[in-house]
Amino acid sequence: MPTFSKRSAANLAECHPDLRALFAEVVLTHDCTVIEGERDKAGQDLAFAQKKSKLRWPASNHNVDGVKRTTSWAADVVPYPLDWGNRASFVTFAAHVVATAAAMKSDGRMIHALRWGGDWDGDGDWKDEKFSDMPHFELVGVAAGE
């Protein structure tokens, strides 16, 4: 059974409890790596400069500002082993993550819904997105201070 590396576990520990619960469940059946949870100002500035994010600090759900967000409301998680060129593996992985999140929300193990950065509008068509962020998963409807 897959488990998280120390680095993945540390990155996930920075995230909202819903994301921690979700990916603890996901890793039981689908090996994955948590690339990033919280992103500090320098990290967000770099992600923006590299066009990996469309948002400046502190607008990203990765950014913990202590007021609006006390934990990261987003995590960048990829299937393992990682192959950036295998788009199908990201889509398959994301479908599993989104379905797991929906089931966990339905049975009360998650409070918030989940959005995937490969299908921002949630219509099931990842090919219609203008900005694709395949590793990105974020919570929807989180209240300030969580």
N, C-alpha and C. Protein backbone atom coordinates (compact mmCIF):
# COMPACT_ATOMS: atom_id res chain seq x y z
N MET A 1 0.84 -1.18 0.00
CA MET A 1 0.00 0.00 0.00
C MET A 1 0.89 1.24 0.00
N PRO A 2 0.60 2.19 -0.90
CA PRO A 2 1.41 3.42 -0.95
C PRO A 2 1.26 4.26 0.32
N THR A 3 2.31 4.97 0.65
CA THR A 3 2.28 5.93 1.76
C THR A 3 3.02 7.18 1.30
N PHE A 4 2.80 8.27 2.02
CA PHE A 4 3.47 9.52 1.67
C PHE A 4 4.91 9.53 2.17
N SER A 5 5.78 10.14 1.38
CA SER A 5 7.15 10.40 1.82
C SER A 5 7.09 11.46 2.93
N LYS A 6 8.20 11.66 3.61
CA LYS A 6 8.25 12.70 4.66
C LYS A 6 7.94 14.07 4.07
N ARG A 7 8.49 14.34 2.88
CA ARG A 7 8.25 15.65 2.24
C ARG A 7 6.78 15.84 1.89
N SER A 8 6.17 14.82 1.29
CA SER A 8 4.74 14.92 0.95
C SER A 8 3.90 15.10 2.21
N ALA A 9 4.21 14.33 3.24
CA ALA A 9 3.46 14.43 4.50
C ALA A 9 3.59 15.83 5.10
N ALA A 10 4.80 16.39 5.04
CA ALA A 10 5.01 17.76 5.57
C ALA A 10 4.24 18.78 4.75
N ASN A 11 4.24 18.64 3.42
CA ASN A 11 3.49 19.57 2.57
C ASN A 11 1.99 19.46 2.84
N LEU A 12 1.50 18.25 3.01
CA LEU A 12 0.08 18.05 3.27
C LEU A 12 -0.32 18.57 4.65
N ALA A 13 0.59 18.51 5.61
CA ALA A 13 0.31 19.00 6.97
C ALA A 13 0.01 20.49 6.99
N GLU A 14 0.43 21.23 5.97
CA GLU A 14 0.18 22.68 5.88
C GLU A 14 -1.24 22.99 5.40
N CYS A 15 -1.97 21.95 5.00
CA CYS A 15 -3.26 22.13 4.33
C CYS A 15 -4.44 22.01 5.29
N HIS A 16 -5.57 22.52 4.83
CA HIS A 16 -6.84 22.43 5.54
C HIS A 16 -7.14 20.96 5.87
N PRO A 17 -7.79 20.70 7.01
CA PRO A 17 -8.11 19.33 7.39
C PRO A 17 -8.86 18.52 6.32
N ASP A 18 -9.71 19.17 5.53
CA ASP A 18 -10.40 18.45 4.46
C ASP A 18 -9.42 17.89 3.43
N LEU A 19 -8.41 18.69 3.06
CA LEU A 19 -7.42 18.21 2.10
C LEU A 19 -6.56 17.10 2.71
N ARG A 20 -6.22 17.24 3.99
CA ARG A 20 -5.45 16.19 4.66
C ARG A 20 -6.22 14.88 4.66
N ALA A 21 -7.51 14.94 5.01
CA ALA A 21 -8.34 13.73 5.04
C ALA A 21 -8.49 13.13 3.64
N LEU A 22 -8.73 13.99 2.66
CA LEU A 22 -8.92 13.53 1.29
C LEU A 22 -7.69 12.78 0.78
N PHE A 23 -6.53 13.39 0.87
CA PHE A 23 -5.36 12.76 0.29
C PHE A 23 -4.85 11.59 1.13
N ALA A 24 -5.17 11.55 2.42
CA ALA A 24 -4.89 10.35 3.22
C ALA A 24 -5.71 9.18 2.70
N GLU A 25 -6.91 9.44 2.25
CA GLU A 25 -7.77 8.41 1.65
C GLU A 25 -7.28 8.05 0.24
N VAL A 26 -6.97 9.04 -0.56
CA VAL A 26 -6.54 8.81 -1.94
C VAL A 26 -5.28 7.95 -2.00
N VAL A 27 -4.30 8.24 -1.15
CA VAL A 27 -3.01 7.53 -1.23
C VAL A 27 -3.16 6.04 -0.91
N LEU A 28 -4.25 5.66 -0.28
CA LEU A 28 -4.46 4.24 0.03
C LEU A 28 -4.64 3.40 -1.24
N THR A 29 -5.15 4.04 -2.30
CA THR A 29 -5.44 3.30 -3.53
C THR A 29 -4.73 3.85 -4.76
N HIS A 30 -4.14 5.05 -4.64
CA HIS A 30 -3.52 5.69 -5.81
C HIS A 30 -2.26 6.42 -5.34
N ASP A 31 -1.10 5.89 -5.66
CA ASP A 31 0.14 6.49 -5.21
C ASP A 31 0.28 7.90 -5.77
N CYS A 32 0.68 8.83 -4.92
CA CYS A 32 0.78 10.23 -5.33
C CYS A 32 1.81 10.96 -4.48
N THR A 33 2.19 12.14 -4.96
CA THR A 33 3.16 12.99 -4.30
C THR A 33 2.54 14.37 -4.09
N VAL A 34 2.67 14.90 -2.88
CA VAL A 34 2.19 16.25 -2.58
C VAL A 34 3.36 17.20 -2.81
N ILE A 35 3.30 17.91 -3.93
CA ILE A 35 4.38 18.81 -4.32
C ILE A 35 4.39 20.07 -3.45
N GLU A 36 3.18 20.57 -3.17
CA GLU A 36 3.10 21.84 -2.44
C GLU A 36 1.76 21.96 -1.75
N GLY A 37 1.82 22.49 -0.54
CA GLY A 37 0.62 22.88 0.19
C GLY A 37 0.65 24.40 0.28
N GLU A 38 1.14 24.89 1.40
CA GLU A 38 1.26 26.34 1.58
C GLU A 38 2.35 26.90 0.67
N ARG A 39 2.06 28.09 0.15
CA ARG A 39 3.05 28.79 -0.67
C ARG A 39 3.27 30.16 -0.04
N ASP A 40 4.51 30.46 0.38
CA ASP A 40 4.80 31.76 0.98
C ASP A 40 4.85 32.84 -0.10
N LYS A 41 5.09 34.09 0.31
CA LYS A 41 5.06 35.20 -0.64
C LYS A 41 6.08 35.01 -1.75
N ALA A 42 7.30 34.62 -1.40
CA ALA A 42 8.33 34.41 -2.42
C ALA A 42 7.93 33.30 -3.38
N GLY A 43 7.37 32.24 -2.86
CA GLY A 43 6.92 31.13 -3.70
C GLY A 43 5.77 31.52 -4.61
N GLN A 44 4.85 32.34 -4.08
CA GLN A 44 3.74 32.80 -4.91
C GLN A 44 4.21 33.77 -5.98
N ASP A 45 5.12 34.67 -5.61
CA ASP A 45 5.69 35.59 -6.60
C ASP A 45 6.38 34.81 -7.72
N LEU A 46 7.09 33.75 -7.37
CA LEU A 46 7.78 32.94 -8.38
C LEU A 46 6.76 32.20 -9.26
N ALA A 47 5.75 31.60 -8.64
CA ALA A 47 4.72 30.89 -9.41
C ALA A 47 4.02 31.84 -10.39
N PHE A 48 3.76 33.06 -9.95
CA PHE A 48 3.13 34.06 -10.81
C PHE A 48 4.08 34.45 -11.96
N ALA A 49 5.34 34.69 -11.63
CA ALA A 49 6.33 35.09 -12.65
C ALA A 49 6.53 33.98 -13.69
N GLN A 50 6.46 32.74 -13.26
CA GLN A 50 6.64 31.61 -14.17
C GLN A 50 5.34 31.21 -14.88
N LYS A 51 4.29 31.99 -14.62
CA LYS A 51 2.97 31.74 -15.23
C LYS A 51 2.37 30.40 -14.82
N LYS A 52 2.76 29.93 -13.62
CA LYS A 52 2.17 28.72 -13.05
C LYS A 52 0.96 29.07 -12.19
N SER A 53 0.78 30.36 -11.93
CA SER A 53 -0.38 30.86 -11.21
C SER A 53 -0.81 32.17 -11.86
N LYS A 54 -2.09 32.41 -11.86
CA LYS A 54 -2.62 33.67 -12.38
C LYS A 54 -2.85 34.69 -11.27
N LEU A 55 -2.56 34.28 -10.04
CA LEU A 55 -2.86 35.12 -8.88
C LEU A 55 -1.60 35.59 -8.17
N ARG A 56 -1.65 36.84 -7.73
CA ARG A 56 -0.55 37.39 -6.93
C ARG A 56 -0.82 37.12 -5.46
N TRP A 57 0.25 37.19 -4.66
CA TRP A 57 0.16 37.06 -3.21
C TRP A 57 -0.78 38.12 -2.66
N PRO A 58 -1.66 37.87 -1.72
CA PRO A 58 -1.99 36.61 -1.08
C PRO A 58 -3.29 36.00 -1.61
N ALA A 59 -3.61 36.24 -2.88
CA ALA A 59 -4.91 35.84 -3.44
C ALA A 59 -5.04 34.34 -3.71
N SER A 60 -3.92 33.63 -3.86
CA SER A 60 -3.99 32.18 -4.16
C SER A 60 -4.47 31.41 -2.94
N ASN A 61 -5.21 30.36 -3.18
CA ASN A 61 -5.66 29.50 -2.08
C ASN A 61 -4.51 28.73 -1.44
N HIS A 62 -3.32 28.79 -2.03
CA HIS A 62 -2.13 28.22 -1.41
C HIS A 62 -1.59 29.13 -0.31
N ASN A 63 -1.94 30.40 -0.35
CA ASN A 63 -1.32 31.40 0.52
C ASN A 63 -2.02 31.47 1.87
N VAL A 64 -1.25 31.27 2.93
CA VAL A 64 -1.75 31.42 4.29
C VAL A 64 -1.39 32.82 4.74
N ASP A 65 -2.42 33.59 5.09
CA ASP A 65 -2.15 34.97 5.51
C ASP A 65 -2.48 35.19 6.99
N GLY A 66 -2.98 34.18 7.67
CA GLY A 66 -3.28 34.29 9.08
C GLY A 66 -4.60 34.96 9.38
N VAL A 67 -5.20 35.63 8.40
CA VAL A 67 -6.48 36.29 8.60
C VAL A 67 -7.55 35.55 7.82
N LYS A 68 -7.43 35.61 6.49
CA LYS A 68 -8.40 34.91 5.67
C LYS A 68 -8.16 33.40 5.72
N ARG A 69 -6.90 32.99 5.61
CA ARG A 69 -6.56 31.57 5.61
C ARG A 69 -5.54 31.28 6.72
N THR A 70 -5.85 30.30 7.54
CA THR A 70 -4.89 29.85 8.55
C THR A 70 -4.21 28.56 8.12
N THR A 71 -4.75 27.92 7.09
CA THR A 71 -4.13 26.75 6.46
C THR A 71 -4.29 26.92 4.96
N SER A 72 -3.49 26.20 4.21
CA SER A 72 -3.62 26.25 2.76
C SER A 72 -4.92 25.59 2.34
N TRP A 73 -5.67 26.26 1.49
CA TRP A 73 -6.93 25.70 0.97
C TRP A 73 -6.69 24.99 -0.35
N ALA A 74 -5.41 24.86 -0.73
CA ALA A 74 -5.06 24.21 -1.99
C ALA A 74 -3.82 23.35 -1.80
N ALA A 75 -3.73 22.32 -2.64
CA ALA A 75 -2.55 21.47 -2.66
C ALA A 75 -2.25 21.10 -4.11
N ASP A 76 -0.98 21.03 -4.43
CA ASP A 76 -0.56 20.52 -5.73
C ASP A 76 -0.12 19.08 -5.51
N VAL A 77 -0.87 18.16 -6.10
CA VAL A 77 -0.65 16.73 -5.89
C VAL A 77 -0.61 16.06 -7.26
N VAL A 78 0.36 15.18 -7.44
CA VAL A 78 0.56 14.53 -8.74
C VAL A 78 0.59 13.01 -8.57
N PRO A 79 0.20 12.30 -9.62
CA PRO A 79 0.31 10.85 -9.56
C PRO A 79 1.79 10.44 -9.54
N TYR A 80 2.06 9.34 -8.85
CA TYR A 80 3.42 8.83 -8.76
C TYR A 80 3.47 7.46 -9.41
N PRO A 81 4.50 7.17 -10.22
CA PRO A 81 5.63 8.03 -10.53
C PRO A 81 5.21 9.17 -11.46
N LEU A 82 5.86 10.28 -11.29
CA LEU A 82 5.51 11.50 -12.02
C LEU A 82 6.07 11.48 -13.44
N ASP A 83 5.18 11.77 -14.39
CA ASP A 83 5.56 11.94 -15.79
C ASP A 83 4.79 13.15 -16.30
N TRP A 84 5.43 14.31 -16.30
CA TRP A 84 4.76 15.56 -16.69
C TRP A 84 4.16 15.47 -18.08
N GLY A 85 4.71 14.64 -18.95
CA GLY A 85 4.23 14.53 -20.32
C GLY A 85 3.03 13.60 -20.48
N ASN A 86 2.67 12.87 -19.44
CA ASN A 86 1.56 11.93 -19.52
C ASN A 86 0.29 12.58 -18.98
N ARG A 87 -0.33 13.39 -19.84
CA ARG A 87 -1.54 14.12 -19.45
C ARG A 87 -2.66 13.18 -19.02
N ALA A 88 -2.75 12.03 -19.67
CA ALA A 88 -3.80 11.06 -19.34
C ALA A 88 -3.69 10.59 -17.89
N SER A 89 -2.47 10.44 -17.38
CA SER A 89 -2.32 10.00 -15.99
C SER A 89 -2.84 11.06 -15.02
N PHE A 90 -2.67 12.34 -15.37
CA PHE A 90 -3.19 13.42 -14.53
C PHE A 90 -4.72 13.42 -14.54
N VAL A 91 -5.30 13.22 -15.70
CA VAL A 91 -6.77 13.21 -15.83
C VAL A 91 -7.36 12.03 -15.06
N THR A 92 -6.75 10.86 -15.22
CA THR A 92 -7.22 9.67 -14.51
C THR A 92 -7.10 9.86 -13.00
N PHE A 93 -5.95 10.38 -12.56
CA PHE A 93 -5.73 10.64 -11.14
C PHE A 93 -6.75 11.66 -10.61
N ALA A 94 -6.94 12.74 -11.34
CA ALA A 94 -7.88 13.78 -10.91
C ALA A 94 -9.30 13.24 -10.82
N ALA A 95 -9.70 12.41 -11.75
CA ALA A 95 -11.05 11.82 -11.70
C ALA A 95 -11.22 11.01 -10.41
N HIS A 96 -10.18 10.27 -10.04
CA HIS A 96 -10.22 9.50 -8.79
C HIS A 96 -10.31 10.43 -7.58
N VAL A 97 -9.50 11.48 -7.57
CA VAL A 97 -9.49 12.43 -6.44
C VAL A 97 -10.85 13.12 -6.32
N VAL A 98 -11.38 13.61 -7.43
CA VAL A 98 -12.67 14.33 -7.42
C VAL A 98 -13.79 13.40 -6.96
N ALA A 99 -13.80 12.17 -7.44
CA ALA A 99 -14.83 11.21 -7.03
C ALA A 99 -14.70 10.86 -5.54
N THR A 100 -13.48 10.71 -5.07
CA THR A 100 -13.25 10.43 -3.65
C THR A 100 -13.73 11.60 -2.80
N ALA A 101 -13.43 12.82 -3.23
CA ALA A 101 -13.87 14.01 -2.49
C ALA A 101 -15.39 14.09 -2.43
N ALA A 102 -16.05 13.82 -3.54
CA ALA A 102 -17.52 13.87 -3.56
C ALA A 102 -18.10 12.83 -2.61
N ALA A 103 -17.54 11.63 -2.60
CA ALA A 103 -18.03 10.58 -1.70
C ALA A 103 -17.79 10.97 -0.24
N MET A 104 -16.62 11.53 0.05
CA MET A 104 -16.30 11.94 1.42
C MET A 104 -17.17 13.10 1.88
N LYS A 105 -17.48 14.01 0.99
CA LYS A 105 -18.37 15.12 1.34
C LYS A 105 -19.78 14.57 1.59
N SER A 106 -20.21 13.66 0.76
CA SER A 106 -21.54 13.08 0.88
C SER A 106 -21.72 12.33 2.21
N ASP A 107 -20.67 11.64 2.65
CA ASP A 107 -20.82 10.87 3.89
C ASP A 107 -20.28 11.62 5.12
N GLY A 108 -19.99 12.92 4.96
CA GLY A 108 -19.64 13.76 6.10
C GLY A 108 -18.18 13.74 6.52
N ARG A 109 -17.32 13.10 5.73
CA ARG A 109 -15.90 13.09 6.09
C ARG A 109 -15.16 14.31 5.57
N MET A 110 -15.80 15.10 4.71
CA MET A 110 -15.28 16.39 4.25
C MET A 110 -16.42 17.40 4.36
N ILE A 111 -16.07 18.63 4.70
CA ILE A 111 -17.07 19.69 4.80
C ILE A 111 -17.24 20.40 3.47
N HIS A 112 -16.14 20.63 2.77
CA HIS A 112 -16.13 21.46 1.57
C HIS A 112 -16.03 20.65 0.29
N ALA A 113 -16.53 21.23 -0.79
CA ALA A 113 -16.40 20.62 -2.11
C ALA A 113 -14.98 20.88 -2.63
N LEU A 114 -14.63 20.18 -3.69
CA LEU A 114 -13.29 20.26 -4.26
C LEU A 114 -13.37 20.71 -5.71
N ARG A 115 -12.39 21.54 -6.11
CA ARG A 115 -12.25 21.95 -7.51
C ARG A 115 -10.85 21.54 -7.97
N TRP A 116 -10.78 21.04 -9.21
CA TRP A 116 -9.51 20.63 -9.80
C TRP A 116 -9.06 21.68 -10.80
N GLY A 117 -7.78 22.02 -10.79
CA GLY A 117 -7.22 23.03 -11.68
C GLY A 117 -7.13 22.61 -13.14
N GLY A 118 -7.46 21.39 -13.44
CA GLY A 118 -7.52 20.95 -14.83
C GLY A 118 -8.91 21.09 -15.42
N ASP A 119 -9.89 21.36 -14.56
CA ASP A 119 -11.29 21.53 -14.98
C ASP A 119 -11.95 22.55 -14.06
N TRP A 120 -11.51 23.79 -14.17
CA TRP A 120 -11.95 24.85 -13.27
C TRP A 120 -13.46 24.99 -13.19
N ASP A 121 -14.15 24.83 -14.31
CA ASP A 121 -15.60 25.02 -14.30
C ASP A 121 -16.36 23.76 -13.89
N GLY A 122 -15.65 22.65 -13.70
CA GLY A 122 -16.26 21.43 -13.20
C GLY A 122 -17.26 20.78 -14.14
N ASP A 123 -17.11 21.03 -15.44
CA ASP A 123 -18.08 20.47 -16.39
C ASP A 123 -17.66 19.12 -16.94
N GLY A 124 -16.55 18.58 -16.45
CA GLY A 124 -16.08 17.28 -16.90
C GLY A 124 -15.27 17.33 -18.18
N ASP A 125 -15.12 18.50 -18.77
CA ASP A 125 -14.36 18.66 -20.01
C ASP A 125 -13.09 19.45 -19.70
N TRP A 126 -11.97 18.76 -19.53
CA TRP A 126 -10.73 19.44 -19.19
C TRP A 126 -10.07 20.08 -20.40
N LYS A 127 -10.57 19.81 -21.59
CA LYS A 127 -9.97 20.36 -22.80
C LYS A 127 -10.44 21.79 -23.10
N ASP A 128 -11.46 22.28 -22.38
CA ASP A 128 -12.01 23.60 -22.67
C ASP A 128 -11.43 24.70 -21.78
N GLU A 129 -10.43 24.38 -20.99
CA GLU A 129 -9.88 25.35 -20.04
C GLU A 129 -8.82 26.24 -20.71
N LYS A 130 -8.86 27.52 -20.40
CA LYS A 130 -7.86 28.45 -20.92
C LYS A 130 -6.55 28.36 -20.12
N PHE A 131 -6.68 28.05 -18.83
CA PHE A 131 -5.52 27.90 -17.95
C PHE A 131 -5.61 26.54 -17.27
N SER A 132 -4.68 25.67 -17.58
CA SER A 132 -4.69 24.32 -17.03
C SER A 132 -3.63 24.20 -15.95
N ASP A 133 -4.05 23.77 -14.78
CA ASP A 133 -3.15 23.55 -13.65
C ASP A 133 -3.42 22.15 -13.12
N MET A 134 -2.94 21.15 -13.86
CA MET A 134 -3.24 19.74 -13.60
C MET A 134 -2.95 19.27 -12.18
N PRO A 135 -1.89 19.72 -11.51
CA PRO A 135 -1.63 19.23 -10.15
C PRO A 135 -2.51 19.87 -9.07
N HIS A 136 -3.22 20.93 -9.40
CA HIS A 136 -3.89 21.79 -8.41
C HIS A 136 -5.27 21.28 -8.00
N PHE A 137 -5.46 21.14 -6.69
CA PHE A 137 -6.76 20.81 -6.10
C PHE A 137 -7.02 21.83 -5.01
N GLU A 138 -8.24 22.42 -5.00
CA GLU A 138 -8.55 23.42 -4.00
C GLU A 138 -9.96 23.23 -3.46
N LEU A 139 -10.14 23.68 -2.23
CA LEU A 139 -11.44 23.62 -1.60
C LEU A 139 -12.31 24.77 -2.05
N VAL A 140 -13.60 24.53 -2.10
CA VAL A 140 -14.58 25.54 -2.52
C VAL A 140 -15.47 25.85 -1.32
N GLY A 141 -15.72 27.13 -1.10
CA GLY A 141 -16.66 27.52 -0.05
C GLY A 141 -16.09 27.49 1.34
N VAL A 142 -14.78 27.70 1.48
CA VAL A 142 -14.16 27.73 2.79
C VAL A 142 -14.37 29.11 3.40
N ALA A 143 -14.68 29.16 4.67
CA ALA A 143 -14.93 30.43 5.35
C ALA A 143 -13.61 31.06 5.81
N ALA A 144 -13.59 32.37 5.85
CA ALA A 144 -12.42 33.09 6.34
C ALA A 144 -12.03 32.57 7.71
N GLY A 145 -10.73 32.46 7.93
CA GLY A 145 -10.22 32.02 9.21
C GLY A 145 -10.00 30.52 9.33
N GLU A 146 -10.39 29.76 8.33
CA GLU A 146 -10.18 28.31 8.38
C GLU A 146 -8.77 27.96 7.96
